[in-house]
Amino acid sequence: MARLARPDEREALRGVWERVFPEDAGTEFVNWLFTKRYLPDWCVVAERAGRIAGVAHGFPLHMRVRDTILPCAVLSGVATEKAFRGQGVMREVITSLMDILRARGVPLLPHRPVDIAVYRSLGHYPVCDFQYVSLPSEAPRPFSDACLQTDMRAYASALYTCYGVFSKRYSCVIDRSYADFAMKLRDYASCDAQCLRVEEAGNVTGYCIYYAEEDGVYADECIALSATAYRLLYESFALRTAGRGLRMRLASDVVIPGAQNEIVPMAVLGVVDVQPLLRAAGLSGGSVEITDDVVCGNAGVVDLQGNPTKRPPQLRISAGRLAQWATGYRSIKEIVAAGQAAATDEAIIPLMDAAGTCPCYIVEEY
C-alpha cells in the first residue's frame, strides 16, 4: 500500500536511498538531500509486509509550458529496495504520487530518468532533448580564456538574472524563483560543483556550473544569452582541460561551431491533469479522445481547451503523446505519422499544429 511519508522517516528513507544508490552513501550530497530536499508531504512510500519497499520523492516547483507558468512537482528520486523489485513498487508509488498531485491541482510531473524506456509504461515520454558537446583529451584546443571563475553564492543574483532571461526562451523549463535558484546553487555546492561566468558590458551573459573530475570536466548547467557567450564558455573550458576530456550539456538549439555534439531525448513529463496542459497551447475547438492507463481522470473526449465534449473525436491520442505536442516538442503531424496517435478526421492536424513547435529544455532540478 502506498502512502505519504512521515517526518520521522527521514533516516529510514535515507537508508533506502543509500542502499539503492551506494555511490551516494555518506556523501555531502545525501546529507544535503535529506536535510533540505526531504519533503514528506511530497514523498510517497510503498510498504510490503510492514517494510518500506520503495519511495518516490517529489519537489514542488513551476514549469513554463510555452508562455504559461504551471505548477509542477519534479520527480527527484525513485528508489526500490532490491528485495522488492519486479513487484510493481515503482508504478505504485508514482501512480499514487500523481493521484495526490491531481487532488492538489498540480498538473505536471517532470523528471530526468536514468533510463527513459522504464517509464514508457506510465505514459511518460520525452519533452526535450539534451545536447552533449564534447572534446576529447587529445584534440587541439582553442586559445581563448575570457571567462571568470565564480563564487556561486557571491554572484547568485547576477547568475539568476541571466537564468531569468534564458528561461523565457524555452518551453518545459523550470521557472525558478530566486529562492528556487539559490537552493539549486546549494545543491550544486553540496557536490563540489564550480562555476565559470561570461561578462559583457558588466553583465553576466552566460555561466556554466561544472564538475572537475579526474578524467576531465563535465559542465552540467550551461546557459548563455548569445552565441558569443556560448563560444567563450566552450573555449575557456577547452583551454582549461588540455590533456583531459570535456563534456558540456546544452539545449538542443545551441550551435557551437566546430564542436563535436550528440543530441538525445532525455527529460520526460508525466501528465497529472491534461486540461491546464491543453489550455497552455492556446487553441480552441476540435475534439480529441485522450487515453490514460495511469490517471483515469485524464481519459475522455475533450475539446482543445480540455472541456468534455460529446462531439465525435477527430483524434485519438494518449496523455503522454499529447504532452509532447502541448509543450511544443513535437507536432501532431509527426506523432500521427509515427503511428503514435490516430486521426479520424485529418482536419484536426492543421488545427492543432497551428500552435507550432518551440524549443524545449529542462535544465536540472535536483
Protein backbone atom coordinates (compact mmCIF):
# COMPACT_ATOMS: atom_id res chain seq x y z
CA MET A 1 0.00 0.00 0.00
CA ALA A 2 1.29 3.47 -0.87
CA ARG A 3 1.06 6.44 1.47
CA LEU A 4 2.68 9.79 2.16
CA ALA A 5 5.95 9.65 4.05
CA ARG A 6 6.18 10.82 7.64
CA PRO A 7 8.62 13.43 9.01
CA ASP A 8 10.12 10.83 11.36
CA GLU A 9 11.02 8.55 8.43
CA ARG A 10 13.84 10.77 7.19
CA GLU A 11 16.64 8.43 8.31
CA ALA A 12 14.82 5.28 7.19
CA LEU A 13 14.35 6.73 3.71
CA ARG A 14 17.92 7.92 3.63
CA GLY A 15 18.89 4.31 4.30
CA VAL A 16 16.77 3.17 1.36
CA TRP A 17 18.45 5.75 -0.89
CA GLU A 18 21.97 4.74 0.16
CA ARG A 19 21.29 1.05 -0.37
CA VAL A 20 19.80 1.63 -3.82
CA PHE A 21 22.46 4.21 -4.78
CA PRO A 22 25.56 3.07 -2.85
CA GLU A 23 27.77 5.57 -4.69
CA ASP A 24 25.95 8.33 -2.76
CA ALA A 25 26.31 6.72 0.68
CA GLY A 26 27.79 9.06 3.27
CA THR A 27 28.28 11.93 0.83
CA GLU A 28 27.61 15.58 1.47
CA PHE A 29 25.01 15.42 -1.32
CA VAL A 30 22.91 12.88 0.59
CA ASN A 31 23.32 14.90 3.80
CA TRP A 32 22.00 17.92 1.93
CA LEU A 33 19.25 15.99 0.15
CA PHE A 34 17.73 14.62 3.33
CA THR A 35 18.22 17.85 5.27
CA LYS A 36 16.84 20.37 2.79
CA ARG A 37 15.15 18.42 -0.01
CA TYR A 38 13.20 15.89 2.04
CA LEU A 39 9.55 16.98 1.94
CA PRO A 40 7.43 14.18 3.43
CA ASP A 41 4.20 15.72 2.17
CA TRP A 42 5.55 15.37 -1.39
CA CYS A 43 7.05 11.93 -0.92
CA VAL A 44 5.18 8.63 -1.40
CA VAL A 45 6.21 5.38 0.29
CA ALA A 46 5.14 1.84 -0.60
CA GLU A 47 5.14 -0.87 2.03
CA ARG A 48 5.33 -4.64 1.83
CA ALA A 49 4.79 -6.73 4.96
CA GLY A 50 5.35 -3.71 7.18
CA ARG A 51 8.64 -2.75 5.50
CA ILE A 52 9.41 0.22 3.27
CA ALA A 53 9.71 -1.32 -0.19
CA GLY A 54 10.14 1.82 -2.28
CA VAL A 55 9.75 5.57 -2.43
CA ALA A 56 9.12 8.40 -4.90
CA HIS A 57 10.44 11.84 -3.89
CA GLY A 58 8.74 14.91 -5.32
CA PHE A 59 9.64 18.58 -5.07
CA PRO A 60 7.18 21.44 -5.87
CA LEU A 61 8.23 23.98 -8.48
CA HIS A 62 6.74 25.75 -11.52
CA MET A 63 7.23 24.94 -15.19
CA ARG A 64 6.92 27.17 -18.23
CA VAL A 65 4.80 25.48 -20.91
CA ARG A 66 5.02 27.69 -23.97
CA ASP A 67 4.07 31.06 -22.42
CA THR A 68 2.11 29.68 -19.47
CA ILE A 69 3.51 29.00 -15.99
CA LEU A 70 2.04 25.86 -14.41
CA PRO A 71 2.62 24.21 -11.03
CA CYS A 72 4.63 21.01 -11.19
CA ALA A 73 6.37 18.54 -8.92
CA VAL A 74 9.78 17.38 -10.09
CA LEU A 75 10.24 13.67 -9.50
CA SER A 76 13.61 13.99 -7.82
CA GLY A 77 14.25 10.37 -6.97
CA VAL A 78 12.68 6.91 -7.18
CA ALA A 79 14.15 4.00 -5.22
CA THR A 80 13.02 0.40 -4.81
CA GLU A 81 14.69 -1.93 -2.32
CA LYS A 82 16.35 -4.86 -4.07
CA ALA A 83 14.20 -7.46 -2.32
CA PHE A 84 11.01 -5.90 -3.72
CA ARG A 85 11.96 -5.26 -7.33
CA GLY A 86 9.73 -6.74 -10.01
CA GLN A 87 6.68 -6.37 -7.77
CA GLY A 88 5.24 -3.16 -9.26
CA VAL A 89 6.56 -0.94 -6.45
CA MET A 90 7.81 1.84 -8.75
CA ARG A 91 4.49 2.01 -10.61
CA GLU A 92 2.61 2.05 -7.31
CA VAL A 93 4.49 4.98 -5.77
CA ILE A 94 4.46 7.08 -8.94
CA THR A 95 0.78 6.42 -9.63
CA SER A 96 -0.07 7.30 -6.05
CA LEU A 97 2.02 10.48 -6.22
CA MET A 98 0.24 11.52 -9.44
CA ASP A 99 -3.16 10.96 -7.79
CA ILE A 100 -2.11 13.14 -4.84
CA LEU A 101 -0.82 15.87 -7.13
CA ARG A 102 -4.05 15.89 -9.13
CA ALA A 103 -6.06 16.38 -5.95
CA ARG A 104 -3.79 19.37 -5.14
CA GLY A 105 -4.16 20.97 -8.56
CA VAL A 106 -0.59 20.23 -9.67
CA PRO A 107 -0.87 19.11 -13.31
CA LEU A 108 2.69 18.09 -14.25
CA LEU A 109 5.36 15.64 -13.08
CA PRO A 110 8.62 16.28 -14.97
CA HIS A 111 11.77 14.26 -14.38
CA ARG A 112 15.02 13.07 -15.91
CA PRO A 113 15.15 9.26 -15.71
CA VAL A 114 18.32 7.25 -15.95
CA ASP A 115 16.51 5.04 -18.48
CA ILE A 116 13.62 6.63 -20.42
CA ALA A 117 12.30 3.23 -21.53
CA VAL A 118 11.45 2.28 -17.94
CA TYR A 119 8.78 5.00 -17.79
CA ARG A 120 7.01 4.36 -21.10
CA SER A 121 4.52 2.03 -19.42
CA LEU A 122 3.48 5.01 -17.26
CA GLY A 123 2.99 7.18 -20.35
CA HIS A 124 5.95 9.41 -19.51
CA TYR A 125 7.56 10.41 -22.81
CA PRO A 126 10.40 12.82 -23.69
CA VAL A 127 9.54 16.51 -23.93
CA CYS A 128 13.04 17.84 -24.51
CA ASP A 129 16.40 16.87 -25.96
CA PHE A 130 19.78 17.38 -24.37
CA GLN A 131 22.81 18.29 -26.45
CA TYR A 132 26.14 16.94 -25.26
CA VAL A 133 29.15 18.79 -26.63
CA SER A 134 32.45 17.00 -26.17
CA LEU A 135 36.14 17.50 -26.80
CA PRO A 136 38.49 14.53 -26.44
CA SER A 137 41.60 14.98 -24.32
CA GLU A 138 43.91 14.70 -27.34
CA ALA A 139 42.02 17.20 -29.53
CA PRO A 140 43.60 20.63 -30.30
CA ARG A 141 42.37 23.40 -28.02
CA PRO A 142 41.13 26.87 -28.94
CA PHE A 143 43.29 29.59 -27.41
CA SER A 144 40.80 31.72 -25.52
CA ASP A 145 40.03 32.14 -21.84
CA ALA A 146 37.73 35.10 -21.41
CA CYS A 147 35.65 33.50 -18.63
CA LEU A 148 35.92 34.10 -14.90
CA GLN A 149 35.97 31.61 -12.07
CA THR A 150 32.93 32.44 -9.94
CA ASP A 151 31.82 32.10 -6.34
CA MET A 152 28.23 30.94 -6.93
CA ARG A 153 26.88 32.39 -3.68
CA ALA A 154 28.54 35.77 -4.14
CA TYR A 155 27.21 36.03 -7.70
CA ALA A 156 23.84 34.36 -7.13
CA SER A 157 21.86 37.50 -8.01
CA ALA A 158 23.70 38.11 -11.30
CA LEU A 159 23.53 34.43 -12.27
CA TYR A 160 19.81 34.41 -11.51
CA THR A 161 19.23 37.45 -13.72
CA CYS A 162 20.93 35.58 -16.56
CA TYR A 163 18.84 32.46 -15.91
CA GLY A 164 15.64 34.52 -15.87
CA VAL A 165 16.27 35.89 -19.38
CA PHE A 166 17.43 32.49 -20.68
CA SER A 167 14.44 30.57 -19.30
CA LYS A 168 11.90 32.67 -21.19
CA ARG A 169 13.24 31.22 -24.47
CA TYR A 170 12.15 27.66 -23.70
CA SER A 171 9.09 25.57 -23.09
CA CYS A 172 9.37 22.91 -20.35
CA VAL A 173 11.96 24.97 -18.48
CA ILE A 174 11.56 25.29 -14.72
CA ASP A 175 10.52 28.84 -13.93
CA ARG A 176 12.75 29.25 -10.89
CA SER A 177 12.07 31.90 -8.29
CA TYR A 178 15.17 33.41 -6.70
CA ALA A 179 14.66 31.07 -3.73
CA ASP A 180 14.49 28.08 -6.12
CA PHE A 181 17.63 29.27 -7.88
CA ALA A 182 19.56 29.79 -4.64
CA MET A 183 18.50 26.33 -3.46
CA LYS A 184 19.76 24.82 -6.71
CA LEU A 185 23.13 26.53 -6.29
CA ARG A 186 23.38 24.96 -2.83
CA ASP A 187 22.53 21.57 -4.38
CA TYR A 188 25.49 22.01 -6.70
CA ALA A 189 27.75 23.20 -3.89
CA SER A 190 26.96 20.04 -1.92
CA CYS A 191 28.51 18.07 -4.81
CA ASP A 192 31.63 20.29 -5.02
CA ALA A 193 30.49 21.94 -8.25
CA GLN A 194 32.29 25.03 -9.55
CA CYS A 195 31.20 27.86 -11.84
CA LEU A 196 32.53 29.89 -14.76
CA ARG A 197 30.83 33.08 -15.95
CA VAL A 198 30.92 35.32 -19.01
CA GLU A 199 30.57 39.08 -18.64
CA GLU A 200 29.76 41.51 -21.41
CA ALA A 201 29.45 45.24 -20.67
CA GLY A 202 29.44 44.45 -16.96
CA ASN A 203 26.54 42.00 -17.15
CA VAL A 204 26.62 38.22 -16.75
CA THR A 205 25.56 36.86 -20.14
CA GLY A 206 26.42 33.22 -19.57
CA TYR A 207 27.58 30.73 -16.98
CA CYS A 208 28.40 27.05 -16.61
CA ILE A 209 28.20 25.06 -13.41
CA TYR A 210 30.61 22.18 -13.73
CA TYR A 211 32.35 19.29 -12.03
CA ALA A 212 36.14 18.89 -12.21
CA GLU A 213 36.59 15.13 -12.46
CA GLU A 214 39.74 13.04 -12.65
CA ASP A 215 39.49 12.48 -16.40
CA GLY A 216 38.16 15.91 -17.33
CA VAL A 217 35.33 18.40 -16.85
CA TYR A 218 31.59 17.85 -17.03
CA ALA A 219 29.57 21.07 -17.39
CA ASP A 220 26.06 20.32 -16.15
CA GLU A 221 24.16 23.62 -16.24
CA CYS A 222 25.49 25.67 -19.12
CA ILE A 223 23.37 28.60 -20.29
CA ALA A 224 24.07 31.80 -22.17
CA LEU A 225 22.26 34.69 -23.80
CA SER A 226 24.27 34.89 -27.01
CA ALA A 227 26.25 32.75 -29.43
CA THR A 228 29.35 34.67 -28.38
CA ALA A 229 28.85 33.79 -24.72
CA TYR A 230 28.42 30.09 -25.55
CA ARG A 231 31.58 30.15 -27.66
CA LEU A 232 33.58 31.82 -24.88
CA LEU A 233 32.42 29.26 -22.32
CA TYR A 234 33.33 26.39 -24.64
CA GLU A 235 36.76 27.84 -25.45
CA SER A 236 37.57 28.55 -21.81
CA PHE A 237 36.70 25.00 -20.80
CA ALA A 238 38.62 23.64 -23.77
CA LEU A 239 41.76 25.54 -22.81
CA ARG A 240 41.47 24.56 -19.15
CA THR A 241 41.07 20.85 -19.95
CA ALA A 242 44.23 20.39 -22.03
CA GLY A 243 45.18 16.71 -21.70
CA ARG A 244 41.77 15.87 -20.27
CA GLY A 245 38.28 15.45 -21.72
CA LEU A 246 35.44 17.96 -21.83
CA ARG A 247 31.71 17.29 -21.90
CA MET A 248 29.04 20.02 -21.72
CA ARG A 249 25.26 19.69 -21.52
CA LEU A 250 23.32 22.30 -23.50
CA ALA A 251 19.91 22.99 -25.01
CA SER A 252 19.48 21.27 -28.37
CA ASP A 253 19.19 24.53 -30.34
CA VAL A 254 22.61 25.88 -29.29
CA VAL A 255 25.26 25.89 -32.01
CA ILE A 256 28.97 25.93 -31.17
CA PRO A 257 30.88 25.90 -34.48
CA GLY A 258 33.45 23.13 -34.75
CA ALA A 259 32.40 21.29 -31.59
CA GLN A 260 31.52 17.59 -31.53
CA ASN A 261 27.95 17.11 -30.42
CA GLU A 262 25.28 14.49 -29.77
CA ILE A 263 21.57 15.23 -29.29
CA VAL A 264 19.48 12.75 -27.32
CA PRO A 265 15.91 12.76 -25.92
CA MET A 266 16.21 12.92 -22.17
CA ALA A 267 13.76 14.64 -19.79
CA VAL A 268 10.19 13.29 -19.65
CA LEU A 269 6.81 14.53 -18.45
CA GLY A 270 4.07 12.75 -16.57
CA VAL A 271 0.65 14.32 -17.18
CA VAL A 272 -1.34 14.61 -13.98
CA ASP A 273 -4.10 16.78 -15.46
CA VAL A 274 -4.46 17.33 -19.22
CA GLN A 275 -6.74 20.37 -19.03
CA PRO A 276 -4.14 23.00 -17.94
CA LEU A 277 -1.69 21.48 -20.41
CA LEU A 278 -4.15 21.78 -23.29
CA ARG A 279 -5.01 25.35 -22.39
CA ALA A 280 -1.32 26.30 -22.47
CA ALA A 281 -1.35 25.62 -26.24
CA GLY A 282 -3.87 28.47 -26.65
CA LEU A 283 -6.24 26.79 -29.11
CA SER A 284 -9.96 26.11 -29.11
CA GLY A 285 -12.46 23.90 -30.91
CA GLY A 286 -11.71 20.39 -32.11
CA SER A 287 -12.41 17.14 -30.31
CA VAL A 288 -9.78 14.76 -29.01
CA GLU A 289 -10.14 11.40 -27.30
CA ILE A 290 -7.46 11.03 -24.66
CA THR A 291 -6.43 7.68 -23.22
CA ASP A 292 -4.57 7.23 -19.94
CA ASP A 293 -3.96 3.96 -18.09
CA VAL A 294 -2.43 5.69 -15.07
CA VAL A 295 -4.55 8.78 -14.31
CA CYS A 296 -8.12 7.79 -15.15
CA GLY A 297 -9.34 11.39 -14.76
CA ASN A 298 -7.43 12.32 -17.92
CA ALA A 299 -9.32 9.85 -20.12
CA GLY A 300 -12.25 11.00 -22.24
CA VAL A 301 -13.26 13.17 -25.19
CA VAL A 302 -12.44 16.86 -24.78
CA ASP A 303 -12.05 19.99 -26.88
CA LEU A 304 -8.73 21.80 -27.20
CA GLN A 305 -9.44 23.74 -24.01
CA GLY A 306 -9.78 20.47 -22.12
CA ASN A 307 -13.55 20.71 -21.68
CA PRO A 308 -15.60 17.49 -22.06
CA THR A 309 -17.48 17.32 -25.36
CA LYS A 310 -19.95 14.91 -26.94
CA ARG A 311 -18.70 15.57 -30.45
CA PRO A 312 -17.11 12.60 -32.24
CA PRO A 313 -13.36 12.58 -31.64
CA GLN A 314 -11.17 13.77 -34.50
CA LEU A 315 -8.03 12.38 -32.89
CA ARG A 316 -7.23 9.54 -30.51
CA ILE A 317 -4.06 10.06 -28.50
CA SER A 318 -2.56 9.10 -25.15
CA ALA A 319 -1.98 11.75 -22.48
CA GLY A 320 1.77 11.24 -22.77
CA ARG A 321 1.87 11.81 -26.53
CA LEU A 322 -0.47 14.79 -26.10
CA ALA A 323 2.13 16.27 -23.73
CA GLN A 324 4.76 16.08 -26.45
CA TRP A 325 2.54 18.21 -28.67
CA ALA A 326 1.21 20.58 -25.98
CA THR A 327 4.69 21.53 -24.80
CA GLY A 328 5.77 22.29 -28.37
CA TYR A 329 8.26 19.41 -28.54
CA ARG A 330 6.60 17.61 -31.48
CA SER A 331 3.85 18.33 -33.99
CA ILE A 332 0.64 16.32 -34.26
CA LYS A 333 1.56 15.61 -37.87
CA GLU A 334 4.78 13.96 -36.71
CA ILE A 335 3.08 12.00 -33.93
CA VAL A 336 0.35 10.69 -36.25
CA ALA A 337 2.88 9.82 -38.96
CA ALA A 338 4.82 7.77 -36.39
CA GLY A 339 1.67 5.76 -35.58
CA GLN A 340 1.55 7.16 -32.03
CA ALA A 341 -1.91 8.74 -32.47
CA ALA A 342 -4.79 8.19 -34.89
CA ALA A 343 -6.60 10.98 -36.75
CA THR A 344 -10.18 10.02 -37.60
CA ASP A 345 -10.63 13.48 -39.16
CA GLU A 346 -7.44 14.87 -40.67
CA ALA A 347 -8.72 18.42 -40.31
CA ILE A 348 -7.64 18.21 -36.67
CA ILE A 349 -3.95 18.02 -37.65
CA PRO A 350 -3.52 21.56 -39.08
CA LEU A 351 -5.87 22.90 -36.41
CA MET A 352 -3.66 21.61 -33.60
CA ASP A 353 -0.39 22.31 -35.38
CA ALA A 354 -1.35 25.97 -35.68
CA ALA A 355 0.17 26.22 -32.19
CA GLY A 356 3.56 25.42 -33.71
CA THR A 357 6.57 23.75 -32.14
CA CYS A 358 9.09 25.59 -29.98
CA PRO A 359 12.45 24.99 -28.28
CA CYS A 360 12.07 22.83 -25.18
CA TYR A 361 14.65 22.44 -22.44
CA ILE A 362 14.57 21.29 -18.82
CA VAL A 363 17.81 22.33 -17.16
CA GLU A 364 18.34 20.30 -13.96
CA GLU A 365 16.34 20.45 -10.78
CA TYR A 366 17.58 18.06 -8.11
